C-alpha atoms as a PDB file:
ATOM      1  CA  MET A   1     -19.071 -47.406  43.372  1.00  0.00           C
ATOM      2  CA  GLY A   2     -15.429 -48.326  44.584  1.00  0.00           C
ATOM      3  CA  MET A   3     -12.815 -45.706  45.877  1.00  0.00           C
ATOM      4  CA  LYS A   4     -10.870 -46.124  42.652  1.00  0.00           C
ATOM      5  CA  ASP A   5     -13.712 -45.221  40.700  1.00  0.00           C
ATOM      6  CA  GLN A   6     -14.637 -42.140  43.108  1.00  0.00           C
ATOM      7  CA  MET A   7     -11.050 -40.811  42.778  1.00  0.00           C
ATOM      8  CA  GLN A   8     -10.882 -41.181  38.612  1.00  0.00           C
ATOM      9  CA  GLN A   9     -14.388 -39.486  38.526  1.00  0.00           C
ATOM     10  CA  LYS A  10     -13.118 -36.620  40.770  1.00  0.00           C
ATOM     11  CA  ALA A  11      -9.853 -36.401  38.885  1.00  0.00           C
ATOM     12  CA  HIS A  12     -11.810 -36.263  35.577  1.00  0.00           C
ATOM     13  CA  GLN A  13     -14.111 -33.614  36.905  1.00  0.00           C
ATOM     14  CA  ALA A  14     -10.874 -31.349  38.225  1.00  0.00           C
ATOM     15  CA  LYS A  15      -9.452 -31.854  34.743  1.00  0.00           C
ATOM     16  CA  GLU A  16     -12.356 -30.525  32.896  1.00  0.00           C
ATOM     17  CA  LYS A  17     -12.864 -27.744  35.238  1.00  0.00           C
ATOM     18  CA  ALA A  18      -9.175 -26.647  34.684  1.00  0.00           C
ATOM     19  CA  GLN A  19      -9.930 -26.842  30.735  1.00  0.00           C
ATOM     20  CA  GLN A  20     -12.856 -24.649  30.864  1.00  0.00           C
ATOM     21  CA  ALA A  21     -11.278 -22.146  33.228  1.00  0.00           C
ATOM     22  CA  GLY A  22      -8.240 -22.127  30.521  1.00  0.00           C
ATOM     23  CA  ARG A  23     -10.894 -21.456  27.756  1.00  0.00           C
ATOM     24  CA  GLN A  24     -12.390 -18.674  29.585  1.00  0.00           C
ATOM     25  CA  GLY A  25      -9.210 -17.171  30.294  1.00  0.00           C
ATOM     26  CA  GLN A  26      -8.171 -17.116  26.542  1.00  0.00           C
ATOM     27  CA  GLN A  27     -11.388 -15.547  25.531  1.00  0.00           C
ATOM     28  CA  ALA A  28     -10.849 -12.954  28.024  1.00  0.00           C
ATOM     29  CA  GLY A  29      -7.630 -12.357  26.717  1.00  0.00           C
ATOM     30  CA  ARG A  30      -8.754 -11.954  22.998  1.00  0.00           C
ATOM     31  CA  GLN A  31     -11.381  -9.499  24.368  1.00  0.00           C
ATOM     32  CA  GLY A  32      -9.017  -7.261  26.032  1.00  0.00           C
ATOM     33  CA  GLN A  33      -7.048  -7.395  23.039  1.00  0.00           C
ATOM     34  CA  GLN A  34      -9.824  -6.274  20.797  1.00  0.00           C
ATOM     35  CA  ALA A  35     -10.521  -3.647  23.071  1.00  0.00           C
ATOM     36  CA  GLY A  36      -6.894  -2.268  23.116  1.00  0.00           C
ATOM     37  CA  ARG A  37      -7.094  -2.228  19.273  1.00  0.00           C
ATOM     38  CA  GLN A  38     -10.343  -0.335  19.395  1.00  0.00           C
ATOM     39  CA  GLY A  39      -8.977   2.184  22.111  1.00  0.00           C
ATOM     40  CA  GLN A  40      -5.840   2.730  19.751  1.00  0.00           C
ATOM     41  CA  GLN A  41      -7.941   3.275  16.707  1.00  0.00           C
ATOM     42  CA  ALA A  42     -10.527   5.600  18.476  1.00  0.00           C
ATOM     43  CA  GLN A  43      -7.538   8.280  19.407  1.00  0.00           C
ATOM     44  CA  PRO A  44      -5.392   8.461  16.402  1.00  0.00           C
ATOM     45  CA  GLY A  45      -4.274  12.128  17.022  1.00  0.00           C
ATOM     46  CA  ARG A  46      -3.390  11.540  20.795  1.00  0.00           C
ATOM     47  CA  LYS A  47       0.309  11.054  20.275  1.00  0.00           C
ATOM     48  CA  GLN A  48       0.302  14.263  18.274  1.00  0.00           C
ATOM     49  CA  ARG A  49      -1.984  16.261  20.922  1.00  0.00           C
ATOM     50  CA  ASP A  50       0.509  15.031  23.662  1.00  0.00           C
ATOM     51  CA  GLU A  51       3.634  16.145  21.885  1.00  0.00           C
ATOM     52  CA  GLN A  52       2.159  19.422  21.219  1.00  0.00           C
ATOM     53  CA  ALA A  53       1.162  19.674  25.032  1.00  0.00           C
ATOM     54  CA  GLU A  54       4.497  18.842  26.085  1.00  0.00           C
ATOM     55  CA  ARG A  55       6.271  21.449  23.516  1.00  0.00           C
ATOM     56  CA  MET A  56       3.990  24.014  24.985  1.00  0.00           C
ATOM     57  CA  HIS A  57       4.933  23.085  28.268  1.00  0.00           C
ATOM     58  CA  ARG A  58       8.617  23.232  27.602  1.00  0.00           C
ATOM     59  CA  ASP A  59       8.209  26.798  25.954  1.00  0.00           C
ATOM     60  CA  GLU A  60       6.254  27.819  28.750  1.00  0.00           C
ATOM     61  CA  GLN A  61       8.949  26.687  31.293  1.00  0.00           C
ATOM     62  CA  ASP A  62      11.741  28.283  29.088  1.00  0.00           C
ATOM     63  CA  ARG A  63       9.728  31.551  29.135  1.00  0.00           C
ATOM     64  CA  PHE A  64       9.637  31.459  32.838  1.00  0.00           C
ATOM     65  CA  ASN A  65      13.388  30.505  33.304  1.00  0.00           C
ATOM     66  CA  GLN A  66      14.539  33.436  30.977  1.00  0.00           C
ATOM     67  CA  ASP A  67      12.337  35.920  32.928  1.00  0.00           C
ATOM     68  CA  TYR A  68      14.018  35.153  36.043  1.00  0.00           C
ATOM     69  CA  ASP A  69      17.462  34.127  35.005  1.00  0.00           C
ATOM     70  CA  ALA A  70      17.771  38.052  33.545  1.00  0.00           C
END
């Protein structure tokens, strides 16, 4: 096998390896998106709970401020 053939073979192998890595990356990206969607569906009331907790915290802070401002 000549030098030219070896170089072509190595280039071909590198190209195949890069394509395979690209496919694996795309597949992992799709799996991540699916997991994200499932997480959002599993916690539909989370935003409402966060807003309620924030509102309670503000109310508590307001009461504290009123107690010490007077």
